Each structure stands twice: as structure tokens, then as C-alpha cells.
Amino acid sequence: MSEISRFHVPTLDDMPDDIRTRIETVGEKSGFVPNVFVALAARPDEFRAFFAYHDALMERSDGLSKAERELIVVATSAVNECMYCVVAHGAILRIRAKNPLIADQVAINSAKATLSERERHIVDFALHVATDSATVGDAEIDDMRAKGFTDDEIWDIGAITAFFALSNRMANFAGITPNTEFYTLGR
């Protein structure tokens, strides 16, 4: 096992040009390369598909704010016991929410976290999808609409929750470790 994953982690020189370029860009922007990028780069087609869907969900500028999107990731990754995603996305949440406490509160006990009413509705619905999606029905969707959420926002909450269930399981079984840099960001 490497320090990053239980599986082979390629060097930048071993990666296809498009993946290497993306990873270098991320590294330049953040000051380090998140371990998930190099761990997933061992399977280029999957890397491209994973990050295309990630970006489609997480980089949208309409509907949910970027902080709300990260809030979903932290809350659902906590119930899925994914250290990588809680730590990494917790850092992003702290930065985007401009709140050094929110990620820890949500990850440890979202019911006691200091959240706005809107954030509370988002987290509660996301956790329902994360823990018992088979019972989400018309009543829950109608309730979210009545609380002021658009169909696109409701879809995004469910889709982000589902996507990160995949991500959480990948990080967990592969043993992808969080970069130490994430622990102090946004504090």
C-alpha cells in the first residue's frame, strides 16, 4: 500500500496528457494535488467519467450554492464513514461557507450543527436519500417544493448524495488517504 491508496498510483509522467494537465492545474490552483486525483488516474477512462460527472454536479452556478453542495457532501460522507471525503470536502465547505466550524459540526452530528433553516432542509433531505432512498416518495419531494426548493435543486441534492455514495465507497475500499493540507484549510 502506498501512502495514498491500496492500489497502484501512477506518476505524472505515466498519465495521459489530458489527465496530467488537469492534475497539474488543480495543483497550481490549490497548492497541492489532492490524493483522489492521482489515485483515480490509474484508470484513465474512469477518471474522466468520474470528474466529468463531479464537475457537472459541483461546478454549476445556478440553484444550490457551492457551499450548499459541499454541505451535502460532508453530511452524507459522514454517514457513509468516508474519512477522505469528510476531510477534503470539509475543507472546501469551510472555505466556501466562510465558517471554520460548520464542517466539523455537520460531520460529527448534523442534527446539532448550527445551520440555517434552508441548510437544515438540505441536510435532512440528503441524509434521507443517503440512508433510505427506497422510501423517498412523492410526499418528500412535495415537501421540499413547499419549502421553496426548485425541482433542479431537489434533483441536485439527490444526485450529489448518490454520486458521493459512489465516491465514498471508492475512497473507502481503495484506502485513499486525505492530504494533510486539507486539515487546516479554512480554519
N, C-alpha and C. Protein backbone atom coordinates (compact mmCIF):
# COMPACT_ATOMS: atom_id res chain seq x y z
N MET A 1 0.84 -1.19 0.00
CA MET A 1 0.00 0.00 0.00
C MET A 1 0.88 1.25 0.00
N SER A 2 0.56 2.17 -0.89
CA SER A 2 1.29 3.43 -0.89
C SER A 2 0.70 4.32 0.21
N GLU A 3 1.25 5.47 0.37
CA GLU A 3 0.70 6.42 1.35
C GLU A 3 -0.64 6.97 0.88
N ILE A 4 -0.97 6.79 -0.38
CA ILE A 4 -2.18 7.38 -0.97
C ILE A 4 -3.31 6.36 -1.12
N SER A 5 -2.99 5.14 -1.51
CA SER A 5 -4.02 4.15 -1.85
C SER A 5 -3.48 2.73 -1.68
N ARG A 6 -4.41 1.80 -1.58
CA ARG A 6 -4.03 0.38 -1.55
C ARG A 6 -3.63 -0.13 -2.93
N PHE A 7 -3.89 0.66 -3.95
CA PHE A 7 -3.67 0.25 -5.32
C PHE A 7 -2.58 1.11 -5.97
N HIS A 8 -2.15 0.69 -7.13
CA HIS A 8 -1.12 1.41 -7.89
C HIS A 8 -1.51 2.86 -8.09
N VAL A 9 -0.57 3.74 -7.83
CA VAL A 9 -0.75 5.18 -8.08
C VAL A 9 0.29 5.58 -9.12
N PRO A 10 -0.15 6.00 -10.30
CA PRO A 10 0.80 6.36 -11.35
C PRO A 10 1.53 7.66 -11.06
N THR A 11 2.69 7.82 -11.64
CA THR A 11 3.38 9.10 -11.59
C THR A 11 2.78 10.01 -12.65
N LEU A 12 3.03 11.29 -12.53
CA LEU A 12 2.52 12.23 -13.53
C LEU A 12 3.02 11.87 -14.92
N ASP A 13 4.25 11.41 -15.03
CA ASP A 13 4.81 11.05 -16.34
C ASP A 13 4.11 9.86 -16.97
N ASP A 14 3.47 9.02 -16.15
CA ASP A 14 2.77 7.83 -16.66
C ASP A 14 1.32 8.10 -17.05
N MET A 15 0.85 9.31 -16.84
CA MET A 15 -0.55 9.63 -17.09
C MET A 15 -0.76 10.18 -18.50
N PRO A 16 -1.95 9.95 -19.06
CA PRO A 16 -2.28 10.59 -20.34
C PRO A 16 -2.21 12.12 -20.20
N ASP A 17 -1.91 12.78 -21.29
CA ASP A 17 -1.70 14.23 -21.26
C ASP A 17 -2.86 15.00 -20.65
N ASP A 18 -4.11 14.66 -21.02
CA ASP A 18 -5.25 15.42 -20.52
C ASP A 18 -5.39 15.29 -19.01
N ILE A 19 -5.12 14.11 -18.49
CA ILE A 19 -5.24 13.88 -17.04
C ILE A 19 -4.10 14.58 -16.31
N ARG A 20 -2.88 14.45 -16.84
CA ARG A 20 -1.73 15.12 -16.23
C ARG A 20 -1.97 16.63 -16.20
N THR A 21 -2.48 17.19 -17.29
CA THR A 21 -2.74 18.63 -17.35
C THR A 21 -3.77 19.04 -16.32
N ARG A 22 -4.84 18.27 -16.19
CA ARG A 22 -5.86 18.59 -15.19
C ARG A 22 -5.28 18.55 -13.78
N ILE A 23 -4.51 17.52 -13.48
CA ILE A 23 -3.92 17.37 -12.15
C ILE A 23 -2.93 18.51 -11.87
N GLU A 24 -2.13 18.88 -12.85
CA GLU A 24 -1.19 19.99 -12.67
C GLU A 24 -1.94 21.30 -12.43
N THR A 25 -3.05 21.50 -13.13
CA THR A 25 -3.86 22.70 -12.95
C THR A 25 -4.44 22.76 -11.55
N VAL A 26 -4.96 21.64 -11.08
CA VAL A 26 -5.50 21.58 -9.72
C VAL A 26 -4.40 21.86 -8.71
N GLY A 27 -3.24 21.28 -8.91
CA GLY A 27 -2.11 21.51 -8.01
C GLY A 27 -1.69 22.96 -7.97
N GLU A 28 -1.66 23.61 -9.12
CA GLU A 28 -1.29 25.03 -9.17
C GLU A 28 -2.32 25.89 -8.45
N LYS A 29 -3.59 25.56 -8.62
CA LYS A 29 -4.67 26.35 -8.02
C LYS A 29 -4.72 26.18 -6.51
N SER A 30 -4.57 24.94 -6.04
CA SER A 30 -4.72 24.68 -4.61
C SER A 30 -3.42 24.66 -3.83
N GLY A 31 -2.30 24.55 -4.51
CA GLY A 31 -1.02 24.47 -3.83
C GLY A 31 -0.58 23.05 -3.52
N PHE A 32 -1.41 22.08 -3.83
CA PHE A 32 -1.09 20.66 -3.66
C PHE A 32 -2.04 19.86 -4.53
N VAL A 33 -1.71 18.60 -4.76
CA VAL A 33 -2.57 17.73 -5.57
C VAL A 33 -3.35 16.82 -4.64
N PRO A 34 -4.68 16.95 -4.62
CA PRO A 34 -5.48 16.05 -3.79
C PRO A 34 -5.23 14.59 -4.18
N ASN A 35 -5.06 13.75 -3.17
CA ASN A 35 -4.73 12.35 -3.41
C ASN A 35 -5.73 11.61 -4.28
N VAL A 36 -7.00 11.99 -4.23
CA VAL A 36 -8.01 11.30 -5.02
C VAL A 36 -7.70 11.41 -6.51
N PHE A 37 -7.13 12.53 -6.93
CA PHE A 37 -6.82 12.70 -8.35
C PHE A 37 -5.79 11.69 -8.83
N VAL A 38 -4.70 11.56 -8.09
CA VAL A 38 -3.66 10.63 -8.53
C VAL A 38 -4.08 9.18 -8.33
N ALA A 39 -4.87 8.92 -7.30
CA ALA A 39 -5.34 7.54 -7.07
C ALA A 39 -6.26 7.08 -8.21
N LEU A 40 -7.16 7.95 -8.64
CA LEU A 40 -8.09 7.58 -9.70
C LEU A 40 -7.45 7.63 -11.09
N ALA A 41 -6.33 8.31 -11.22
CA ALA A 41 -5.66 8.43 -12.52
C ALA A 41 -5.11 7.09 -13.03
N ALA A 42 -5.03 6.11 -12.17
CA ALA A 42 -4.57 4.78 -12.60
C ALA A 42 -5.52 4.15 -13.61
N ARG A 43 -6.76 4.63 -13.66
CA ARG A 43 -7.76 4.12 -14.60
C ARG A 43 -8.32 5.32 -15.38
N PRO A 44 -7.64 5.70 -16.45
CA PRO A 44 -7.94 6.96 -17.13
C PRO A 44 -9.39 7.13 -17.58
N ASP A 45 -10.00 6.11 -18.16
CA ASP A 45 -11.39 6.27 -18.61
C ASP A 45 -12.32 6.54 -17.44
N GLU A 46 -12.10 5.85 -16.35
CA GLU A 46 -12.93 6.06 -15.16
C GLU A 46 -12.66 7.44 -14.54
N PHE A 47 -11.41 7.85 -14.53
CA PHE A 47 -11.04 9.18 -14.05
C PHE A 47 -11.84 10.24 -14.81
N ARG A 48 -11.81 10.15 -16.14
CA ARG A 48 -12.50 11.15 -16.96
C ARG A 48 -14.00 11.15 -16.69
N ALA A 49 -14.61 9.98 -16.61
CA ALA A 49 -16.06 9.89 -16.35
C ALA A 49 -16.40 10.41 -14.96
N PHE A 50 -15.62 10.02 -13.98
CA PHE A 50 -15.84 10.44 -12.60
C PHE A 50 -15.81 11.96 -12.49
N PHE A 51 -14.75 12.57 -13.00
CA PHE A 51 -14.62 14.01 -12.85
C PHE A 51 -15.56 14.80 -13.76
N ALA A 52 -15.98 14.22 -14.87
CA ALA A 52 -16.99 14.89 -15.70
C ALA A 52 -18.31 15.00 -14.94
N TYR A 53 -18.71 13.91 -14.27
CA TYR A 53 -19.96 13.96 -13.50
C TYR A 53 -19.79 14.81 -12.25
N HIS A 54 -18.65 14.69 -11.60
CA HIS A 54 -18.36 15.53 -10.44
C HIS A 54 -18.52 17.01 -10.81
N ASP A 55 -17.89 17.41 -11.89
CA ASP A 55 -17.93 18.82 -12.30
C ASP A 55 -19.35 19.24 -12.69
N ALA A 56 -20.08 18.36 -13.36
CA ALA A 56 -21.45 18.69 -13.75
C ALA A 56 -22.32 18.97 -12.52
N LEU A 57 -22.08 18.25 -11.44
CA LEU A 57 -22.86 18.43 -10.21
C LEU A 57 -22.33 19.56 -9.33
N MET A 58 -21.04 19.64 -9.19
CA MET A 58 -20.46 20.51 -8.17
C MET A 58 -20.06 21.90 -8.68
N GLU A 59 -19.93 22.07 -9.97
CA GLU A 59 -19.47 23.35 -10.51
C GLU A 59 -20.59 24.19 -11.12
N ARG A 60 -21.83 23.76 -10.98
CA ARG A 60 -22.95 24.53 -11.51
C ARG A 60 -23.04 25.87 -10.79
N SER A 61 -23.44 26.89 -11.50
CA SER A 61 -23.55 28.21 -10.89
C SER A 61 -24.99 28.58 -10.56
N ASP A 62 -25.95 27.77 -10.97
CA ASP A 62 -27.34 28.08 -10.65
C ASP A 62 -27.86 27.10 -9.61
N GLY A 63 -28.98 27.47 -9.00
CA GLY A 63 -29.59 26.60 -7.99
C GLY A 63 -28.85 26.66 -6.67
N LEU A 64 -28.48 25.50 -6.16
CA LEU A 64 -27.75 25.43 -4.89
C LEU A 64 -26.44 26.20 -4.98
N SER A 65 -26.06 26.82 -3.87
CA SER A 65 -24.76 27.48 -3.84
C SER A 65 -23.66 26.42 -3.78
N LYS A 66 -22.44 26.83 -4.06
CA LYS A 66 -21.32 25.89 -3.97
C LYS A 66 -21.12 25.43 -2.53
N ALA A 67 -21.37 26.29 -1.57
CA ALA A 67 -21.27 25.89 -0.16
C ALA A 67 -22.35 24.85 0.17
N GLU A 68 -23.57 25.05 -0.32
CA GLU A 68 -24.64 24.07 -0.07
C GLU A 68 -24.30 22.73 -0.68
N ARG A 69 -23.67 22.72 -1.84
CA ARG A 69 -23.27 21.47 -2.48
C ARG A 69 -22.24 20.74 -1.62
N GLU A 70 -21.28 21.49 -1.08
CA GLU A 70 -20.27 20.89 -0.21
C GLU A 70 -20.88 20.42 1.11
N LEU A 71 -21.88 21.12 1.60
CA LEU A 71 -22.60 20.72 2.81
C LEU A 71 -23.20 19.33 2.64
N ILE A 72 -23.79 19.08 1.49
CA ILE A 72 -24.36 17.77 1.19
C ILE A 72 -23.27 16.70 1.23
N VAL A 73 -22.14 17.00 0.62
CA VAL A 73 -21.04 16.03 0.57
C VAL A 73 -20.56 15.68 1.98
N VAL A 74 -20.36 16.69 2.80
CA VAL A 74 -19.85 16.42 4.15
C VAL A 74 -20.86 15.63 4.97
N ALA A 75 -22.13 16.03 4.94
CA ALA A 75 -23.15 15.34 5.74
C ALA A 75 -23.30 13.89 5.32
N THR A 76 -23.37 13.63 4.03
CA THR A 76 -23.60 12.26 3.57
C THR A 76 -22.33 11.42 3.66
N SER A 77 -21.18 12.04 3.45
CA SER A 77 -19.93 11.30 3.59
C SER A 77 -19.69 10.89 5.03
N ALA A 78 -20.17 11.68 5.97
CA ALA A 78 -20.05 11.32 7.39
C ALA A 78 -20.86 10.07 7.69
N VAL A 79 -22.11 10.00 7.20
CA VAL A 79 -22.90 8.80 7.48
C VAL A 79 -22.37 7.59 6.71
N ASN A 80 -21.65 7.84 5.63
CA ASN A 80 -21.01 6.75 4.88
C ASN A 80 -19.61 6.43 5.41
N GLU A 81 -19.19 7.13 6.46
CA GLU A 81 -17.91 6.91 7.11
C GLU A 81 -16.72 7.01 6.17
N CYS A 82 -16.76 8.01 5.32
CA CYS A 82 -15.66 8.23 4.38
C CYS A 82 -14.76 9.35 4.88
N MET A 83 -13.64 8.97 5.48
CA MET A 83 -12.72 9.96 6.02
C MET A 83 -12.21 10.89 4.92
N TYR A 84 -11.84 10.34 3.76
CA TYR A 84 -11.29 11.19 2.71
C TYR A 84 -12.26 12.31 2.37
N CYS A 85 -13.51 11.97 2.07
CA CYS A 85 -14.45 12.98 1.61
C CYS A 85 -14.86 13.94 2.72
N VAL A 86 -14.97 13.47 3.95
CA VAL A 86 -15.28 14.38 5.06
C VAL A 86 -14.16 15.38 5.24
N VAL A 87 -12.93 14.92 5.22
CA VAL A 87 -11.79 15.81 5.44
C VAL A 87 -11.60 16.75 4.25
N ALA A 88 -11.57 16.22 3.04
CA ALA A 88 -11.33 17.04 1.86
C ALA A 88 -12.47 18.03 1.61
N HIS A 89 -13.68 17.52 1.60
CA HIS A 89 -14.82 18.41 1.33
C HIS A 89 -15.18 19.26 2.53
N GLY A 90 -14.79 18.81 3.71
CA GLY A 90 -14.94 19.66 4.90
C GLY A 90 -14.10 20.92 4.75
N ALA A 91 -12.89 20.78 4.23
CA ALA A 91 -12.03 21.94 4.00
C ALA A 91 -12.68 22.88 2.98
N ILE A 92 -13.19 22.31 1.91
CA ILE A 92 -13.83 23.14 0.87
C ILE A 92 -15.08 23.82 1.44
N LEU A 93 -15.85 23.09 2.25
CA LEU A 93 -17.04 23.67 2.87
C LEU A 93 -16.67 24.84 3.78
N ARG A 94 -15.64 24.67 4.61
CA ARG A 94 -15.23 25.76 5.49
C ARG A 94 -14.89 27.02 4.69
N ILE A 95 -14.20 26.82 3.58
CA ILE A 95 -13.80 27.95 2.74
C ILE A 95 -15.01 28.58 2.07
N ARG A 96 -15.85 27.76 1.46
CA ARG A 96 -16.99 28.30 0.71
C ARG A 96 -18.06 28.89 1.61
N ALA A 97 -18.24 28.32 2.80
CA ALA A 97 -19.24 28.85 3.74
C ALA A 97 -18.66 29.97 4.59
N LYS A 98 -17.34 30.17 4.51
CA LYS A 98 -16.65 31.17 5.35
C LYS A 98 -16.99 30.93 6.82
N ASN A 99 -16.93 29.65 7.21
CA ASN A 99 -17.30 29.24 8.56
C ASN A 99 -16.35 28.12 9.00
N PRO A 100 -15.43 28.39 9.93
CA PRO A 100 -14.46 27.39 10.33
C PRO A 100 -15.03 26.24 11.15
N LEU A 101 -16.28 26.34 11.59
CA LEU A 101 -16.89 25.33 12.46
C LEU A 101 -17.83 24.37 11.75
N ILE A 102 -18.40 24.79 10.65
CA ILE A 102 -19.52 24.08 10.05
C ILE A 102 -19.21 22.63 9.67
N ALA A 103 -18.06 22.38 9.08
CA ALA A 103 -17.77 21.02 8.61
C ALA A 103 -17.65 20.04 9.76
N ASP A 104 -16.97 20.44 10.83
CA ASP A 104 -16.85 19.56 11.99
C ASP A 104 -18.20 19.30 12.62
N GLN A 105 -19.01 20.34 12.76
CA GLN A 105 -20.33 20.17 13.35
C GLN A 105 -21.19 19.20 12.53
N VAL A 106 -21.21 19.41 11.23
CA VAL A 106 -22.04 18.57 10.35
C VAL A 106 -21.53 17.13 10.34
N ALA A 107 -20.23 16.94 10.29
CA ALA A 107 -19.67 15.60 10.23
C ALA A 107 -19.88 14.82 11.52
N ILE A 108 -19.82 15.51 12.65
CA ILE A 108 -19.95 14.82 13.93
C ILE A 108 -21.41 14.56 14.29
N ASN A 109 -22.24 15.58 14.15
CA ASN A 109 -23.66 15.41 14.47
C ASN A 109 -24.45 16.50 13.77
N SER A 110 -24.90 16.21 12.57
CA SER A 110 -25.57 17.24 11.77
C SER A 110 -26.84 17.76 12.44
N ALA A 111 -27.47 16.95 13.28
CA ALA A 111 -28.68 17.40 13.97
C ALA A 111 -28.40 18.54 14.94
N LYS A 112 -27.18 18.63 15.44
CA LYS A 112 -26.82 19.69 16.38
C LYS A 112 -26.02 20.80 15.73
N ALA A 113 -25.72 20.68 14.46
CA ALA A 113 -24.93 21.70 13.76
C ALA A 113 -25.71 23.00 13.68
N THR A 114 -24.99 24.10 13.74
CA THR A 114 -25.60 25.41 13.59
C THR A 114 -25.80 25.67 12.10
N LEU A 115 -27.03 25.48 11.65
CA LEU A 115 -27.37 25.63 10.23
C LEU A 115 -28.55 26.56 10.07
N SER A 116 -28.65 27.20 8.92
CA SER A 116 -29.84 27.98 8.61
C SER A 116 -30.99 27.00 8.37
N GLU A 117 -32.19 27.52 8.32
CA GLU A 117 -33.35 26.65 8.05
C GLU A 117 -33.20 25.97 6.69
N ARG A 118 -32.77 26.71 5.69
CA ARG A 118 -32.57 26.14 4.35
C ARG A 118 -31.51 25.03 4.39
N GLU A 119 -30.39 25.30 5.04
CA GLU A 119 -29.33 24.28 5.15
C GLU A 119 -29.84 23.04 5.88
N ARG A 120 -30.64 23.24 6.92
CA ARG A 120 -31.20 22.11 7.67
C ARG A 120 -32.07 21.25 6.75
N HIS A 121 -32.90 21.88 5.92
CA HIS A 121 -33.75 21.13 4.98
C HIS A 121 -32.89 20.35 3.98
N ILE A 122 -31.85 20.98 3.50
CA ILE A 122 -30.95 20.32 2.54
C ILE A 122 -30.31 19.10 3.18
N VAL A 123 -29.74 19.27 4.36
CA VAL A 123 -29.07 18.16 5.04
C VAL A 123 -30.05 17.04 5.37
N ASP A 124 -31.20 17.38 5.88
CA ASP A 124 -32.18 16.35 6.25
C ASP A 124 -32.61 15.53 5.03
N PHE A 125 -32.89 16.22 3.92
CA PHE A 125 -33.30 15.50 2.72
C PHE A 125 -32.15 14.65 2.18
N ALA A 126 -30.94 15.22 2.14
CA ALA A 126 -29.78 14.46 1.66
C ALA A 126 -29.54 13.23 2.51
N LEU A 127 -29.67 13.35 3.81
CA LEU A 127 -29.46 12.18 4.68
C LEU A 127 -30.54 11.13 4.48
N HIS A 128 -31.76 11.56 4.18
CA HIS A 128 -32.81 10.59 3.87
C HIS A 128 -32.45 9.82 2.60
N VAL A 129 -32.02 10.55 1.60
CA VAL A 129 -31.60 9.89 0.35
C VAL A 129 -30.41 8.96 0.61
N ALA A 130 -29.46 9.41 1.43
CA ALA A 130 -28.25 8.63 1.70
C ALA A 130 -28.53 7.35 2.48
N THR A 131 -29.48 7.41 3.40
CA THR A 131 -29.68 6.28 4.31
C THR A 131 -30.89 5.42 4.00
N ASP A 132 -31.84 5.95 3.22
CA ASP A 132 -33.06 5.17 2.97
C ASP A 132 -33.74 5.65 1.69
N SER A 133 -32.98 5.66 0.60
CA SER A 133 -33.50 6.21 -0.66
C SER A 133 -34.75 5.49 -1.17
N ALA A 134 -34.91 4.23 -0.81
CA ALA A 134 -36.08 3.48 -1.29
C ALA A 134 -37.38 4.04 -0.74
N THR A 135 -37.32 4.79 0.35
CA THR A 135 -38.56 5.32 0.93
C THR A 135 -38.81 6.77 0.55
N VAL A 136 -37.95 7.37 -0.26
CA VAL A 136 -38.21 8.73 -0.73
C VAL A 136 -39.35 8.64 -1.73
N GLY A 137 -40.41 9.38 -1.46
CA GLY A 137 -41.57 9.32 -2.33
C GLY A 137 -42.08 10.71 -2.68
N ASP A 138 -43.24 10.73 -3.30
CA ASP A 138 -43.84 11.99 -3.73
C ASP A 138 -44.02 12.97 -2.57
N ALA A 139 -44.37 12.47 -1.40
CA ALA A 139 -44.60 13.36 -0.25
C ALA A 139 -43.32 14.12 0.12
N GLU A 140 -42.18 13.43 0.08
CA GLU A 140 -40.92 14.10 0.43
C GLU A 140 -40.54 15.14 -0.63
N ILE A 141 -40.76 14.80 -1.88
CA ILE A 141 -40.45 15.75 -2.96
C ILE A 141 -41.38 16.97 -2.86
N ASP A 142 -42.67 16.71 -2.65
CA ASP A 142 -43.63 17.82 -2.50
C ASP A 142 -43.29 18.68 -1.29
N ASP A 143 -42.82 18.06 -0.21
CA ASP A 143 -42.44 18.80 0.98
C ASP A 143 -41.26 19.72 0.68
N MET A 144 -40.28 19.22 -0.07
CA MET A 144 -39.14 20.07 -0.44
C MET A 144 -39.60 21.23 -1.33
N ARG A 145 -40.53 20.96 -2.23
CA ARG A 145 -41.07 22.04 -3.07
C ARG A 145 -41.77 23.08 -2.20
N ALA A 146 -42.55 22.61 -1.24
CA ALA A 146 -43.27 23.52 -0.34
C ALA A 146 -42.30 24.35 0.50
N LYS A 147 -41.13 23.85 0.73
CA LYS A 147 -40.10 24.58 1.49
C LYS A 147 -39.32 25.55 0.60
N GLY A 148 -39.70 25.61 -0.68
CA GLY A 148 -39.10 26.60 -1.58
C GLY A 148 -38.01 26.09 -2.49
N PHE A 149 -37.78 24.79 -2.52
CA PHE A 149 -36.74 24.25 -3.39
C PHE A 149 -37.31 23.98 -4.77
N THR A 150 -36.53 24.30 -5.79
CA THR A 150 -36.93 24.03 -7.16
C THR A 150 -36.68 22.54 -7.47
N ASP A 151 -37.27 22.07 -8.55
CA ASP A 151 -37.03 20.69 -8.95
C ASP A 151 -35.55 20.46 -9.25
N ASP A 152 -34.88 21.44 -9.87
CA ASP A 152 -33.44 21.30 -10.14
C ASP A 152 -32.65 21.19 -8.85
N GLU A 153 -33.02 21.97 -7.84
CA GLU A 153 -32.31 21.91 -6.57
C GLU A 153 -32.54 20.57 -5.87
N ILE A 154 -33.76 20.09 -5.92
CA ILE A 154 -34.08 18.79 -5.30
C ILE A 154 -33.31 17.69 -6.02
N TRP A 155 -33.30 17.76 -7.35
CA TRP A 155 -32.53 16.78 -8.13
C TRP A 155 -31.05 16.82 -7.74
N ASP A 156 -30.51 18.04 -7.65
CA ASP A 156 -29.09 18.18 -7.31
C ASP A 156 -28.78 17.60 -5.93
N ILE A 157 -29.65 17.82 -4.97
CA ILE A 157 -29.42 17.25 -3.64
C ILE A 157 -29.34 15.73 -3.74
N GLY A 158 -30.30 15.13 -4.44
CA GLY A 158 -30.30 13.67 -4.61
C GLY A 158 -29.13 13.17 -5.42
N ALA A 159 -28.80 13.87 -6.50
CA ALA A 159 -27.71 13.43 -7.39
C ALA A 159 -26.35 13.57 -6.71
N ILE A 160 -26.14 14.65 -5.98
CA ILE A 160 -24.87 14.82 -5.26
C ILE A 160 -24.75 13.74 -4.20
N THR A 161 -25.83 13.47 -3.50
CA THR A 161 -25.83 12.41 -2.48
C THR A 161 -25.47 11.08 -3.11
N ALA A 162 -26.09 10.75 -4.24
CA ALA A 162 -25.84 9.47 -4.91
C ALA A 162 -24.43 9.40 -5.46
N PHE A 163 -23.96 10.47 -6.08
CA PHE A 163 -22.61 10.47 -6.64
C PHE A 163 -21.58 10.27 -5.55
N PHE A 164 -21.75 10.95 -4.43
CA PHE A 164 -20.76 10.81 -3.37
C PHE A 164 -20.90 9.50 -2.61
N ALA A 165 -22.02 8.82 -2.73
CA ALA A 165 -22.08 7.45 -2.21
C ALA A 165 -21.09 6.58 -2.98
N LEU A 166 -21.04 6.77 -4.29
CA LEU A 166 -20.03 6.09 -5.12
C LEU A 166 -18.63 6.52 -4.70
N SER A 167 -18.40 7.81 -4.63
CA SER A 167 -17.09 8.34 -4.28
C SER A 167 -16.64 7.83 -2.91
N ASN A 168 -17.55 7.86 -1.93
CA ASN A 168 -17.23 7.38 -0.58
C ASN A 168 -16.80 5.92 -0.60
N ARG A 169 -17.50 5.12 -1.33
CA ARG A 169 -17.18 3.69 -1.39
C ARG A 169 -15.85 3.45 -2.11
N MET A 170 -15.60 4.21 -3.15
CA MET A 170 -14.31 4.09 -3.86
C MET A 170 -13.16 4.47 -2.92
N ALA A 171 -13.29 5.60 -2.26
CA ALA A 171 -12.22 6.05 -1.36
C ALA A 171 -12.02 5.07 -0.21
N ASN A 172 -13.12 4.54 0.32
CA ASN A 172 -13.01 3.60 1.44
C ASN A 172 -12.34 2.29 1.04
N PHE A 173 -12.81 1.66 -0.03
CA PHE A 173 -12.23 0.35 -0.37
C PHE A 173 -10.80 0.49 -0.89
N ALA A 174 -10.51 1.61 -1.56
CA ALA A 174 -9.16 1.81 -2.09
C ALA A 174 -8.20 2.33 -1.02
N GLY A 175 -8.74 2.72 0.12
CA GLY A 175 -7.89 3.24 1.18
C GLY A 175 -7.24 4.56 0.83
N ILE A 176 -7.95 5.43 0.10
CA ILE A 176 -7.39 6.72 -0.28
C ILE A 176 -7.35 7.62 0.96
N THR A 177 -6.16 8.12 1.24
CA THR A 177 -5.97 8.93 2.44
C THR A 177 -6.07 10.42 2.12
N PRO A 178 -6.63 11.18 3.07
CA PRO A 178 -6.71 12.63 2.85
C PRO A 178 -5.32 13.27 2.93
N ASN A 179 -5.10 14.26 2.12
CA ASN A 179 -3.87 15.04 2.20
C ASN A 179 -3.85 15.79 3.53
N THR A 180 -2.71 15.89 4.15
CA THR A 180 -2.61 16.62 5.41
C THR A 180 -3.00 18.09 5.25
N GLU A 181 -2.79 18.65 4.07
CA GLU A 181 -3.12 20.06 3.83
C GLU A 181 -4.60 20.36 4.08
N PHE A 182 -5.48 19.39 3.84
CA PHE A 182 -6.91 19.63 3.99
C PHE A 182 -7.30 19.97 5.43
N TYR A 183 -6.58 19.41 6.38
CA TYR A 183 -6.98 19.54 7.78
C TYR A 183 -6.97 20.99 8.29
N THR A 184 -6.13 21.81 7.72
CA THR A 184 -6.01 23.17 8.23
C THR A 184 -6.67 24.23 7.34
N LEU A 185 -7.10 23.86 6.16
CA LEU A 185 -7.71 24.84 5.25
C LEU A 185 -9.01 25.39 5.83
N GLY A 186 -9.21 26.68 5.69
CA GLY A 186 -10.45 27.32 6.08
C GLY A 186 -10.66 27.45 7.58
N ARG A 187 -9.60 27.31 8.35
CA ARG A 187 -9.74 27.42 9.81
C ARG A 187 -9.31 28.78 10.29
